[in-house]
Amino acid sequence: MAGWTDDELDRVDAQDQLQIAGRRRDGSLRDPVIIWMVRDGDELYVRSVNGPDAAWYRGTRARHEGHVSAGGIEKDVAFEDVGGELEDRLDDAYRSKYRRYSENTLRRITSPEARSTTLRLTPRP
């Protein structure tokens, strides 16, 4: 699979919010929701502030595919589960990018529940 271009990464990362929609088993897209995203190197990541029970996150589980939109970029993506050492870097990225929000909100997006939902967004052809 081809990765993100530098222009796409810059344009998406410059946004506070990303629209995300999982793909249903029948191939149709779920209704998009707005979430936060962060960049780490040449990759984009999302996680659910409400943990694994959030409807949008559960919707990514059916096919691990969907669609995202931010900064004028529209992409079909694969949702890849991630974890491990990367989680600490992503916590730092969330705290840095969204530092103007309340400490409570930042604690929620970096909580163990939210971390358990971390997904890499990989562009699909």
Protein backbone atom coordinates (compact mmCIF):
# COMPACT_ATOMS: atom_id res chain seq x y z
CA MET A 1 0.00 0.00 0.00
CA ALA A 2 1.15 3.50 -0.78
CA GLY A 3 1.73 5.77 2.20
CA TRP A 4 0.76 9.36 2.77
CA THR A 5 2.44 12.09 0.73
CA ASP A 6 4.23 14.88 2.59
CA ASP A 7 1.56 17.33 1.43
CA GLU A 8 -1.27 15.10 2.70
CA LEU A 9 0.43 14.61 6.06
CA ASP A 10 1.03 18.34 6.47
CA ARG A 11 -2.52 19.29 5.50
CA VAL A 12 -4.20 16.71 7.71
CA ASP A 13 -1.87 17.30 10.66
CA ALA A 14 -2.55 21.06 10.49
CA GLN A 15 -6.19 20.35 11.35
CA ASP A 16 -7.52 19.85 14.86
CA GLN A 17 -10.20 17.45 13.70
CA LEU A 18 -10.65 14.62 11.27
CA GLN A 19 -13.87 13.09 9.99
CA ILE A 20 -13.79 9.30 10.16
CA ALA A 21 -16.24 6.66 8.94
CA GLY A 22 -15.86 2.91 9.22
CA ARG A 23 -16.94 0.63 6.41
CA ARG A 24 -19.79 -1.79 7.15
CA ARG A 25 -19.67 -5.47 6.22
CA ASP A 26 -21.77 -4.69 3.12
CA GLY A 27 -19.16 -2.13 1.98
CA SER A 28 -21.18 1.00 2.73
CA LEU A 29 -19.73 3.73 4.92
CA ARG A 30 -21.07 4.54 8.37
CA ASP A 31 -21.96 8.14 9.16
CA PRO A 32 -18.75 10.13 9.71
CA VAL A 33 -17.85 11.46 13.15
CA ILE A 34 -15.32 14.08 14.15
CA ILE A 35 -12.32 13.00 16.21
CA TRP A 36 -8.78 14.10 17.04
CA MET A 37 -5.73 12.75 15.23
CA VAL A 38 -1.96 13.00 15.61
CA ARG A 39 1.01 12.51 13.35
CA ASP A 40 4.11 10.50 14.20
CA GLY A 41 6.69 10.67 11.43
CA ASP A 42 5.03 9.61 8.19
CA GLU A 43 1.98 8.08 9.86
CA LEU A 44 -1.36 9.30 11.20
CA TYR A 45 -3.06 7.90 14.28
CA VAL A 46 -6.44 8.17 15.97
CA ARG A 47 -7.89 6.87 19.20
CA SER A 48 -11.25 6.97 20.92
CA VAL A 49 -11.47 9.37 23.85
CA ASN A 50 -14.41 7.23 25.03
CA GLY A 51 -12.53 3.93 24.77
CA PRO A 52 -13.55 0.78 22.90
CA ASP A 53 -17.28 1.26 23.54
CA ALA A 54 -17.51 4.34 21.28
CA ALA A 55 -19.76 3.67 18.29
CA TRP A 56 -17.29 4.99 15.70
CA TYR A 57 -14.53 2.74 17.07
CA ARG A 58 -16.78 -0.33 17.12
CA GLY A 59 -17.63 0.54 13.52
CA THR A 60 -13.97 0.15 12.50
CA ARG A 61 -13.95 -3.46 13.70
CA ALA A 62 -16.20 -4.89 10.94
CA ARG A 63 -13.78 -4.56 8.01
CA HIS A 64 -10.87 -2.51 9.36
CA GLU A 65 -11.51 -0.14 6.46
CA GLY A 66 -13.11 3.23 6.08
CA HIS A 67 -12.76 6.81 4.94
CA VAL A 68 -11.23 9.93 6.47
CA SER A 69 -11.40 13.61 5.60
CA ALA A 70 -9.41 16.60 6.88
CA GLY A 71 -7.67 19.63 5.43
CA GLY A 72 -9.19 19.04 2.00
CA ILE A 73 -7.81 15.49 1.90
CA GLU A 74 -10.26 12.62 1.30
CA LYS A 75 -8.84 9.11 1.67
CA ASP A 76 -9.98 5.54 1.92
CA VAL A 77 -7.92 3.98 4.69
CA ALA A 78 -7.18 0.76 6.49
CA PHE A 79 -7.42 0.81 10.28
CA GLU A 80 -4.46 -0.96 11.86
CA ASP A 81 -4.32 -1.70 15.60
CA VAL A 82 -1.12 -0.51 17.26
CA GLY A 83 0.37 -0.42 20.72
CA GLY A 84 3.59 -0.80 22.65
CA GLU A 85 6.31 1.84 22.83
CA LEU A 86 4.55 3.95 20.25
CA GLU A 87 1.77 4.73 22.74
CA ASP A 88 4.00 6.97 24.90
CA ARG A 89 5.05 9.00 21.84
CA LEU A 90 1.43 9.35 20.77
CA ASP A 91 0.42 10.47 24.27
CA ASP A 92 3.07 13.20 24.00
CA ALA A 93 1.82 14.13 20.54
CA TYR A 94 -1.77 14.43 21.79
CA ARG A 95 -0.68 16.54 24.77
CA SER A 96 1.36 18.83 22.54
CA LYS A 97 -1.17 19.25 19.73
CA TYR A 98 -4.20 19.69 21.99
CA ARG A 99 -2.55 21.43 24.97
CA ARG A 100 -5.05 24.29 24.88
CA TYR A 101 -7.83 21.89 25.93
CA SER A 102 -8.59 20.98 29.53
CA GLU A 103 -6.29 18.70 31.49
CA ASN A 104 -9.27 16.40 32.05
CA THR A 105 -9.79 15.98 28.30
CA LEU A 106 -6.08 15.30 27.77
CA ARG A 107 -6.16 12.70 30.56
CA ARG A 108 -9.06 10.97 28.80
CA ILE A 109 -7.34 10.81 25.39
CA THR A 110 -4.17 9.42 27.04
CA SER A 111 -5.97 7.01 29.41
CA PRO A 112 -5.44 3.24 29.22
CA GLU A 113 -8.95 2.88 27.73
CA ALA A 114 -8.23 5.37 24.95
CA ARG A 115 -4.77 3.94 24.34
CA SER A 116 -6.33 0.51 23.79
CA THR A 117 -8.15 1.93 20.75
CA THR A 118 -5.15 3.43 18.94
CA LEU A 119 -5.36 2.94 15.18
CA ARG A 120 -2.89 3.75 12.40
CA LEU A 121 -4.57 5.20 9.32
CA THR A 122 -3.01 3.67 6.22
CA PRO A 123 -4.14 4.96 2.81
CA ARG A 124 -5.75 2.37 0.54
CA PRO A 125 -5.51 2.43 -3.23
